[in-house]
Amino acid sequence: MRPACLAPVLTLALAATAFAQGPPLPGPEHEVLKKDVGVWDCVMEMTIPGAPPMTMNGVETNTLVAGRWLVSEFRGEMMGQVFEGRGITGWDPARKAYTAVWVDSMATSISAAESTFDAATSTLKGWMEMPDPSGGKGKVKTEATWPTPETRVVKVFGPDGSAEPMMKMTYTKRK
């Protein structure tokens, strides 16, 4: 067999072996995702330079797919308009980080994020690349904490390095 033909054969053999073993099982990293499963009421506070602070209320519903992927659906109202968004978050073992994508009714491109979890402080810290007012994309710092099992606080810090968040979302889990 020629070496050029060997690569597709090896790829198929590896795929068949992986398929026979079944899908990968969730690991300890997926416990972080389980925390968010359910329906959450959200109060979002936004501070945009040159504008008065804004508050928005919404509801986020999160489900877990195959124990490995957190799928989020958000609905609310922003500036008198319906706001909705969808996200998928999972653990990427190659990166050793949580990765996510997000789309919403206010953006025309996909946002991507990456973060790591500190179990000692129950904090997920990272970054998100998202649309900016100029029409391009910018990276912002993100931080999520769970002060209690029924409360989650997500903060988004502007690209200017400010210590104060430009967005703070406080979630309360429905019973």
Protein backbone atom coordinates (compact mmCIF):
# COMPACT_ATOMS: atom_id res chain seq x y z
CA MET A 1 0.00 0.00 0.00
CA ARG A 2 1.31 3.45 -0.89
CA PRO A 3 1.93 5.87 2.03
CA ALA A 4 -0.59 8.38 0.59
CA CYS A 5 -3.35 5.77 0.86
CA LEU A 6 -2.41 4.85 4.42
CA ALA A 7 -3.68 8.07 6.06
CA PRO A 8 -7.37 7.64 5.13
CA VAL A 9 -7.26 3.97 6.17
CA LEU A 10 -5.76 4.86 9.56
CA THR A 11 -8.31 7.66 10.05
CA LEU A 12 -11.18 5.27 9.34
CA ALA A 13 -9.70 2.62 11.64
CA LEU A 14 -9.36 5.13 14.49
CA ALA A 15 -12.91 6.42 13.93
CA ALA A 16 -14.29 2.86 13.96
CA THR A 17 -12.43 2.12 17.20
CA ALA A 18 -13.76 5.29 18.85
CA PHE A 19 -17.30 4.51 17.66
CA ALA A 20 -17.10 0.96 19.06
CA GLN A 21 -16.03 2.34 22.45
CA GLY A 22 -19.03 4.69 22.59
CA PRO A 23 -19.14 8.45 23.15
CA PRO A 24 -16.80 9.97 25.71
CA LEU A 25 -18.22 10.02 29.22
CA PRO A 26 -18.58 13.26 31.18
CA GLY A 27 -15.69 13.89 33.55
CA PRO A 28 -15.29 15.88 36.77
CA GLU A 29 -14.99 19.11 34.74
CA HIS A 30 -18.61 18.72 33.66
CA GLU A 31 -19.83 19.16 37.25
CA VAL A 32 -19.33 22.91 36.76
CA LEU A 33 -21.80 22.83 33.85
CA LYS A 34 -24.38 20.92 35.91
CA LYS A 35 -24.56 23.86 38.34
CA ASP A 36 -26.34 25.92 35.68
CA VAL A 37 -28.98 23.42 34.58
CA GLY A 38 -32.49 24.76 35.17
CA VAL A 39 -34.46 27.97 34.78
CA TRP A 40 -32.93 31.19 36.10
CA ASP A 41 -34.40 34.69 36.51
CA CYS A 42 -31.82 37.32 35.59
CA VAL A 43 -31.34 40.99 36.41
CA MET A 44 -28.73 42.55 34.12
CA GLU A 45 -27.14 45.89 34.95
CA MET A 46 -25.18 47.62 32.18
CA THR A 47 -22.96 50.66 32.39
CA ILE A 48 -22.00 52.12 29.03
CA PRO A 49 -19.69 55.16 29.01
CA GLY A 50 -21.63 58.34 28.27
CA ALA A 51 -25.03 56.74 28.93
CA PRO A 52 -27.11 56.30 32.07
CA PRO A 53 -26.99 52.82 33.67
CA MET A 54 -29.55 50.38 32.23
CA THR A 55 -31.31 47.43 33.82
CA MET A 56 -32.84 44.49 31.98
CA ASN A 57 -34.76 41.47 33.24
CA GLY A 58 -34.74 38.11 31.53
CA VAL A 59 -35.06 34.37 31.90
CA GLU A 60 -32.35 31.85 31.06
CA THR A 61 -33.13 28.17 30.54
CA ASN A 62 -30.19 25.76 30.55
CA THR A 63 -30.13 22.10 29.58
CA LEU A 64 -27.30 19.59 29.48
CA VAL A 65 -26.77 17.53 26.30
CA ALA A 66 -25.09 14.15 26.79
CA GLY A 67 -23.81 15.36 30.15
CA ARG A 68 -21.16 17.38 28.32
CA TRP A 69 -22.69 20.43 26.64
CA LEU A 70 -24.61 23.19 28.41
CA VAL A 71 -27.13 24.71 26.01
CA SER A 72 -28.49 28.10 27.11
CA GLU A 73 -31.52 30.05 25.91
CA PHE A 74 -32.01 33.61 27.13
CA ARG A 75 -35.09 35.80 26.65
CA GLY A 76 -35.65 39.31 27.91
CA GLU A 77 -36.29 42.89 26.89
CA MET A 78 -33.63 45.51 26.22
CA MET A 79 -34.35 49.15 25.39
CA GLY A 80 -37.98 48.32 24.61
CA GLN A 81 -37.06 45.48 22.25
CA VAL A 82 -37.16 41.71 22.62
CA PHE A 83 -33.69 40.36 23.33
CA GLU A 84 -32.88 36.71 22.87
CA GLY A 85 -29.67 34.74 22.81
CA ARG A 86 -28.38 31.18 22.59
CA GLY A 87 -25.15 29.69 23.84
CA ILE A 88 -23.28 26.40 24.03
CA THR A 89 -20.59 25.76 26.64
CA GLY A 90 -18.41 22.68 27.10
CA TRP A 91 -15.13 21.41 28.44
CA ASP A 92 -12.34 21.22 25.87
CA PRO A 93 -9.83 18.61 27.10
CA ALA A 94 -7.22 19.63 24.52
CA ARG A 95 -7.25 23.24 25.76
CA LYS A 96 -7.92 22.29 29.38
CA ALA A 97 -10.51 25.07 29.43
CA TYR A 98 -14.22 25.70 29.10
CA THR A 99 -15.09 27.02 25.66
CA ALA A 100 -18.32 28.65 24.57
CA VAL A 101 -20.08 30.30 21.68
CA TRP A 102 -22.90 32.84 21.91
CA VAL A 103 -25.29 34.48 19.44
CA ASP A 104 -28.03 36.99 20.17
CA SER A 105 -30.53 39.32 18.56
CA MET A 106 -28.30 42.40 18.98
CA ALA A 107 -25.23 41.01 17.18
CA THR A 108 -24.41 39.98 13.63
CA SER A 109 -21.51 37.67 14.46
CA ILE A 110 -20.75 34.79 16.81
CA SER A 111 -19.02 35.51 20.11
CA ALA A 112 -16.46 33.01 21.40
CA ALA A 113 -15.22 32.55 24.96
CA GLU A 114 -12.72 30.56 26.97
CA SER A 115 -12.34 30.24 30.74
CA THR A 116 -10.92 28.16 33.58
CA PHE A 117 -12.52 27.19 36.89
CA ASP A 118 -11.00 27.78 40.32
CA ALA A 119 -12.69 25.30 42.66
CA ALA A 120 -11.28 27.01 45.78
CA THR A 121 -13.21 30.22 45.03
CA SER A 122 -15.97 28.66 42.88
CA THR A 123 -15.05 31.15 40.15
CA LEU A 124 -14.96 30.74 36.38
CA LYS A 125 -12.60 33.35 34.88
CA GLY A 126 -11.75 33.99 31.28
CA TRP A 127 -12.42 36.12 28.23
CA MET A 128 -15.00 36.60 25.52
CA GLU A 129 -14.43 37.98 22.06
CA MET A 130 -17.57 39.91 21.16
CA PRO A 131 -18.78 42.63 18.77
CA ASP A 132 -17.78 46.16 19.74
CA PRO A 133 -19.50 49.46 18.92
CA SER A 134 -17.12 50.12 15.98
CA GLY A 135 -18.41 47.04 14.17
CA GLY A 136 -15.30 45.00 14.92
CA LYS A 137 -14.62 42.59 17.76
CA GLY A 138 -12.95 43.10 21.10
CA LYS A 139 -11.94 40.86 24.00
CA VAL A 140 -13.48 41.42 27.39
CA LYS A 141 -12.71 39.77 30.71
CA THR A 142 -15.44 37.57 32.23
CA GLU A 143 -16.02 36.20 35.70
CA ALA A 144 -18.79 33.94 37.01
CA THR A 145 -19.32 32.99 40.66
CA TRP A 146 -21.90 30.92 42.53
CA PRO A 147 -22.31 32.53 45.97
CA THR A 148 -24.99 29.89 46.67
CA PRO A 149 -26.35 26.95 44.63
CA GLU A 150 -29.38 29.14 43.80
CA THR A 151 -27.41 32.28 42.87
CA ARG A 152 -24.97 32.95 40.03
CA VAL A 153 -23.29 36.29 39.34
CA VAL A 154 -21.63 36.97 35.97
CA LYS A 155 -19.50 40.07 35.44
CA VAL A 156 -18.14 41.37 32.14
CA PHE A 157 -15.29 43.88 32.28
CA GLY A 158 -14.59 46.26 29.42
CA PRO A 159 -11.50 46.06 27.24
CA ASP A 160 -10.12 49.16 29.00
CA GLY A 161 -9.05 47.06 32.01
CA SER A 162 -11.47 48.75 34.40
CA ALA A 163 -11.93 47.17 37.84
CA GLU A 164 -15.67 47.88 37.62
CA PRO A 165 -17.77 45.63 35.37
CA MET A 166 -19.57 47.13 32.38
CA MET A 167 -22.17 44.37 32.78
CA LYS A 168 -23.32 42.47 35.84
CA MET A 169 -25.90 39.70 35.63
CA THR A 170 -27.40 38.30 38.81
CA TYR A 171 -29.24 35.01 38.33
CA THR A 172 -31.66 33.41 40.78
CA LYS A 173 -32.60 29.77 40.18
CA ARG A 174 -36.30 28.95 40.08
CA LYS A 175 -37.47 26.15 42.32
